[in-house]
C-alpha atoms as a PDB file:
ATOM      1  CA  MET A   1      -8.914  24.065   5.309  1.00  0.00           C
ATOM      2  CA  LYS A   2      -5.195  24.379   5.150  1.00  0.00           C
ATOM      3  CA  PHE A   3      -4.894  20.642   6.332  1.00  0.00           C
ATOM      4  CA  LEU A   4      -7.036  19.460   3.321  1.00  0.00           C
ATOM      5  CA  LYS A   5      -5.229  21.707   0.946  1.00  0.00           C
ATOM      6  CA  THR A   6      -1.936  20.223   2.071  1.00  0.00           C
ATOM      7  CA  PHE A   7      -3.335  16.663   2.113  1.00  0.00           C
ATOM      8  CA  PHE A   8      -4.649  16.685  -1.455  1.00  0.00           C
ATOM      9  CA  HIS A   9      -1.954  18.826  -2.945  1.00  0.00           C
ATOM     10  CA  THR A  10       0.031  17.478  -5.634  1.00  0.00           C
ATOM     11  CA  ASP A  11       2.068  18.547  -8.741  1.00  0.00           C
ATOM     12  CA  ASP A  12       1.718  17.684 -12.139  1.00  0.00           C
ATOM     13  CA  SER A  13       4.412  14.950 -11.925  1.00  0.00           C
ATOM     14  CA  THR A  14       4.388  12.015 -14.478  1.00  0.00           C
ATOM     15  CA  THR A  15       7.015  10.242 -12.196  1.00  0.00           C
ATOM     16  CA  HIS A  16       4.612  10.125  -9.305  1.00  0.00           C
ATOM     17  CA  LEU A  17       1.611   8.979 -11.456  1.00  0.00           C
ATOM     18  CA  ILE A  18       4.055   5.995 -12.636  1.00  0.00           C
ATOM     19  CA  LEU A  19       5.044   5.224  -9.036  1.00  0.00           C
ATOM     20  CA  ARG A  20       1.379   5.187  -7.717  1.00  0.00           C
ATOM     21  CA  VAL A  21       0.052   3.389 -10.550  1.00  0.00           C
ATOM     22  CA  ILE A  22       2.568   0.555 -10.320  1.00  0.00           C
ATOM     23  CA  LEU A  23       2.479   0.389  -6.596  1.00  0.00           C
ATOM     24  CA  GLY A  24      -1.313   0.308  -6.654  1.00  0.00           C
ATOM     25  CA  CYS A  25      -1.457  -2.500  -9.360  1.00  0.00           C
ATOM     26  CA  VAL A  26       1.103  -4.564  -7.246  1.00  0.00           C
ATOM     27  CA  PHE A  27      -1.103  -4.089  -4.195  1.00  0.00           C
ATOM     28  CA  PHE A  28      -4.095  -4.646  -5.983  1.00  0.00           C
ATOM     29  CA  PHE A  29      -3.186  -8.461  -6.530  1.00  0.00           C
ATOM     30  CA  HIS A  30      -2.199  -8.706  -2.947  1.00  0.00           C
ATOM     31  CA  GLY A  31      -5.431  -7.059  -1.825  1.00  0.00           C
ATOM     32  CA  GLY A  32      -7.407  -9.364  -4.012  1.00  0.00           C
ATOM     33  CA  GLN A  33      -5.974 -12.299  -2.576  1.00  0.00           C
ATOM     34  CA  LYS A  34      -6.668 -11.283   1.042  1.00  0.00           C
ATOM     35  CA  LEU A  35     -10.072  -9.673   0.561  1.00  0.00           C
ATOM     36  CA  LEU A  36     -11.805 -11.698  -2.388  1.00  0.00           C
ATOM     37  CA  GLY A  37      -9.676 -14.998  -2.530  1.00  0.00           C
ATOM     38  CA  TRP A  38      -8.474 -13.778  -6.069  1.00  0.00           C
ATOM     39  CA  PHE A  39      -5.169 -14.907  -7.717  1.00  0.00           C
ATOM     40  CA  GLY A  40      -4.831 -18.123  -5.498  1.00  0.00           C
ATOM     41  CA  GLY A  41      -5.312 -16.284  -2.109  1.00  0.00           C
ATOM     42  CA  HIS A  42      -7.744 -17.407   0.706  1.00  0.00           C
ATOM     43  CA  GLY A  43     -10.156 -14.406   0.959  1.00  0.00           C
ATOM     44  CA  PHE A  44     -11.082 -12.350   4.007  1.00  0.00           C
ATOM     45  CA  ASP A  45     -12.087 -15.110   6.268  1.00  0.00           C
ATOM     46  CA  GLY A  46      -9.124 -17.434   5.460  1.00  0.00           C
ATOM     47  CA  THR A  47      -6.642 -14.248   5.691  1.00  0.00           C
ATOM     48  CA  MET A  48      -8.374 -13.184   8.913  1.00  0.00           C
ATOM     49  CA  GLY A  49      -7.870 -16.560  10.455  1.00  0.00           C
ATOM     50  CA  PHE A  50      -4.311 -16.900   9.397  1.00  0.00           C
ATOM     51  CA  PHE A  51      -3.455 -13.393  10.578  1.00  0.00           C
ATOM     52  CA  THR A  52      -5.249 -13.725  13.932  1.00  0.00           C
ATOM     53  CA  GLU A  53      -4.984 -17.554  14.960  1.00  0.00           C
ATOM     54  CA  LYS A  54      -1.481 -18.273  13.237  1.00  0.00           C
ATOM     55  CA  MET A  55       0.216 -15.210  13.493  1.00  0.00           C
ATOM     56  CA  GLY A  56      -1.338 -13.803  16.600  1.00  0.00           C
ATOM     57  CA  ILE A  57      -1.945 -10.375  15.014  1.00  0.00           C
ATOM     58  CA  PRO A  58      -4.933  -8.489  16.697  1.00  0.00           C
ATOM     59  CA  ALA A  59      -7.978  -8.719  14.644  1.00  0.00           C
ATOM     60  CA  LEU A  60      -8.212  -4.910  14.308  1.00  0.00           C
ATOM     61  CA  ILE A  61      -4.622  -4.701  12.769  1.00  0.00           C
ATOM     62  CA  ALA A  62      -5.429  -7.923  10.466  1.00  0.00           C
ATOM     63  CA  PHE A  63      -8.638  -6.007   9.106  1.00  0.00           C
ATOM     64  CA  LEU A  64      -6.603  -2.958   8.583  1.00  0.00           C
ATOM     65  CA  VAL A  65      -3.992  -4.792   6.725  1.00  0.00           C
ATOM     66  CA  ILE A  66      -6.746  -6.370   4.402  1.00  0.00           C
ATOM     67  CA  ILE A  67      -8.435  -2.963   3.628  1.00  0.00           C
ATOM     68  CA  GLY A  68      -5.302  -1.171   3.329  1.00  0.00           C
ATOM     69  CA  GLU A  69      -3.897  -3.553   0.724  1.00  0.00           C
ATOM     70  CA  SER A  70      -7.379  -3.817  -1.149  1.00  0.00           C
ATOM     71  CA  PHE A  71      -8.674  -0.161  -0.980  1.00  0.00           C
ATOM     72  CA  GLY A  72      -5.189   1.355  -0.606  1.00  0.00           C
ATOM     73  CA  ALA A  73      -4.399  -0.131  -4.003  1.00  0.00           C
ATOM     74  CA  LEU A  74      -7.573   1.270  -5.455  1.00  0.00           C
ATOM     75  CA  GLY A  75      -6.602   4.684  -4.028  1.00  0.00           C
ATOM     76  CA  LEU A  76      -3.166   4.536  -5.493  1.00  0.00           C
ATOM     77  CA  ILE A  77      -4.431   3.518  -9.129  1.00  0.00           C
ATOM     78  CA  THR A  78      -6.929   6.356  -9.031  1.00  0.00           C
ATOM     79  CA  GLY A  79      -4.820   8.803  -7.007  1.00  0.00           C
ATOM     80  CA  PHE A  80      -7.601   9.431  -4.545  1.00  0.00           C
ATOM     81  CA  LEU A  81      -6.214   9.837  -1.030  1.00  0.00           C
ATOM     82  CA  THR A  82      -2.820   8.771  -2.428  1.00  0.00           C
ATOM     83  CA  ARG A  83      -0.970  10.067   0.914  1.00  0.00           C
ATOM     84  CA  LEU A  84      -3.127   7.985   2.792  1.00  0.00           C
ATOM     85  CA  SER A  85      -3.034   4.961   0.739  1.00  0.00           C
ATOM     86  CA  ALA A  86       0.680   5.061   0.453  1.00  0.00           C
ATOM     87  CA  ALA A  87       1.171   5.617   4.263  1.00  0.00           C
ATOM     88  CA  GLY A  88      -1.189   2.386   4.582  1.00  0.00           C
ATOM     89  CA  VAL A  89       1.151   0.443   2.230  1.00  0.00           C
ATOM     90  CA  ALA A  90       4.258   1.863   4.017  1.00  0.00           C
ATOM     91  CA  CYS A  91       2.954   0.723   7.593  1.00  0.00           C
ATOM     92  CA  ILE A  92       1.877  -2.671   6.224  1.00  0.00           C
ATOM     93  CA  MET A  93       5.556  -3.043   4.574  1.00  0.00           C
ATOM     94  CA  LEU A  94       7.245  -2.030   7.749  1.00  0.00           C
ATOM     95  CA  GLY A  95       4.947  -4.357  10.049  1.00  0.00           C
ATOM     96  CA  ALA A  96       5.836  -7.169   7.561  1.00  0.00           C
ATOM     97  CA  ILE A  97       9.571  -6.582   7.549  1.00  0.00           C
ATOM     98  CA  PHE A  98       9.535  -6.575  11.538  1.00  0.00           C
ATOM     99  CA  MET A  99       7.023  -9.077  12.156  1.00  0.00           C
ATOM    100  CA  VAL A 100       7.920 -11.789   9.597  1.00  0.00           C
ATOM    101  CA  HIS A 101      10.943 -11.236   7.257  1.00  0.00           C
ATOM    102  CA  LEU A 102      13.686  -9.607   9.095  1.00  0.00           C
ATOM    103  CA  PRO A 103      14.945 -13.003  10.456  1.00  0.00           C
ATOM    104  CA  ASN A 104      15.389 -14.114   6.862  1.00  0.00           C
ATOM    105  CA  GLY A 105      17.757 -11.410   5.804  1.00  0.00           C
ATOM    106  CA  ILE A 106      17.378  -9.018   2.895  1.00  0.00           C
ATOM    107  CA  PHE A 107      17.077 -11.461  -0.126  1.00  0.00           C
ATOM    108  CA  MET A 108      14.206 -12.949  -1.613  1.00  0.00           C
ATOM    109  CA  ASN A 109      14.242 -16.842  -1.207  1.00  0.00           C
ATOM    110  CA  TRP A 110      14.608 -17.597  -5.049  1.00  0.00           C
ATOM    111  CA  ALA A 111      16.354 -20.871  -4.579  1.00  0.00           C
ATOM    112  CA  GLY A 112      14.460 -22.045  -1.731  1.00  0.00           C
ATOM    113  CA  GLN A 113      17.434 -22.246   0.419  1.00  0.00           C
ATOM    114  CA  GLN A 114      16.252 -19.846   3.249  1.00  0.00           C
ATOM    115  CA  ALA A 115      13.633 -20.681   6.143  1.00  0.00           C
ATOM    116  CA  GLY A 116      11.477 -17.776   4.516  1.00  0.00           C
ATOM    117  CA  GLU A 117      11.416 -14.753   2.352  1.00  0.00           C
ATOM    118  CA  GLY A 118      13.600 -11.844   2.977  1.00  0.00           C
ATOM    119  CA  PHE A 119      12.619  -8.176   3.013  1.00  0.00           C
ATOM    120  CA  GLU A 120      14.045  -6.578  -0.337  1.00  0.00           C
ATOM    121  CA  TYR A 121      10.546  -6.531  -1.750  1.00  0.00           C
ATOM    122  CA  HIS A 122       9.143  -4.516   1.199  1.00  0.00           C
ATOM    123  CA  LEU A 123      12.071  -2.028   1.059  1.00  0.00           C
ATOM    124  CA  LEU A 124      11.146  -1.427  -2.659  1.00  0.00           C
ATOM    125  CA  ALA A 125       7.642  -0.793  -1.873  1.00  0.00           C
ATOM    126  CA  LEU A 126       8.673   1.493   0.962  1.00  0.00           C
ATOM    127  CA  ALA A 127      10.894   3.468  -1.557  1.00  0.00           C
ATOM    128  CA  ILE A 128       8.026   3.887  -3.805  1.00  0.00           C
ATOM    129  CA  ALA A 129       5.360   4.773  -1.090  1.00  0.00           C
ATOM    130  CA  ILE A 130       7.503   7.371   0.716  1.00  0.00           C
ATOM    131  CA  PRO A 131       7.683   9.985  -2.380  1.00  0.00           C
ATOM    132  CA  LEU A 132       3.959   9.465  -2.679  1.00  0.00           C
ATOM    133  CA  ILE A 133       3.441  10.317   0.929  1.00  0.00           C
ATOM    134  CA  ILE A 134       5.674  13.558   0.644  1.00  0.00           C
ATOM    135  CA  TYR A 135       4.668  14.801  -2.835  1.00  0.00           C
ATOM    136  CA  GLY A 136       1.220  13.216  -3.590  1.00  0.00           C
ATOM    137  CA  GLY A 137      -0.051  11.312  -6.515  1.00  0.00           C
ATOM    138  CA  GLY A 138       0.910  13.722  -9.502  1.00  0.00           C
ATOM    139  CA  LYS A 139      -0.562  13.908 -12.956  1.00  0.00           C
ATOM    140  CA  PHE A 140      -4.059  12.518 -13.571  1.00  0.00           C
ATOM    141  CA  SER A 141      -4.816  11.798  -9.833  1.00  0.00           C
ATOM    142  CA  VAL A 142      -8.146  12.301  -8.142  1.00  0.00           C
ATOM    143  CA  ASP A 143      -6.447  14.341  -5.367  1.00  0.00           C
ATOM    144  CA  GLN A 144      -5.190  16.898  -8.090  1.00  0.00           C
ATOM    145  CA  ILE A 145      -8.818  17.332  -9.240  1.00  0.00           C
ATOM    146  CA  VAL A 146     -10.174  17.747  -5.752  1.00  0.00           C
ATOM    147  CA  GLU A 147      -7.503  20.306  -4.956  1.00  0.00           C
ATOM    148  CA  LYS A 148      -8.210  22.383  -8.270  1.00  0.00           C
ATOM    149  CA  LYS A 149     -11.977  22.170  -8.252  1.00  0.00           C
ATOM    150  CA  PHE A 150     -12.999  22.039  -4.573  1.00  0.00           C
ATOM    151  CA  LEU A 151      -9.873  23.539  -2.534  1.00  0.00           C
ATOM    152  CA  ASN A 152      -8.762  26.119  -4.848  1.00  0.00           C
ATOM    153  CA  PRO A 153     -11.824  27.482  -6.779  1.00  0.00           C
ATOM    154  CA  ALA A 154     -11.086  30.039  -9.332  1.00  0.00           C
END
């Protein structure tokens, strides 16, 4: 029970509300591309094929990336399982840095002069995810409701 209290605990922070909703919205678009083919994406089958066949990522990891971006985004937006959702995003960003973007340097490829994109975006996503992992989702999160209603009954 102590683990659940710690896992769902959060304060009434507006800052954490803003961080989780913005990070969740950004990843909603990425997850929508990968899972459903929205926003110009290739959908689940296309993304799985790209990750496993072109990039050589094991199918389980590819599946977890798609699910982590899709459902993790919804978790962040609603503040449900905030720490788990933010940890998923952090793992995905670390994987993207070390598997793809590190050789391209830090900067995004704005001018099209590099071989690929750098990892500055991924660092920013990590910088947002880490406080959410540590402190939780803040104000108006489902986690806050779970903690108050079910784990700390009056």
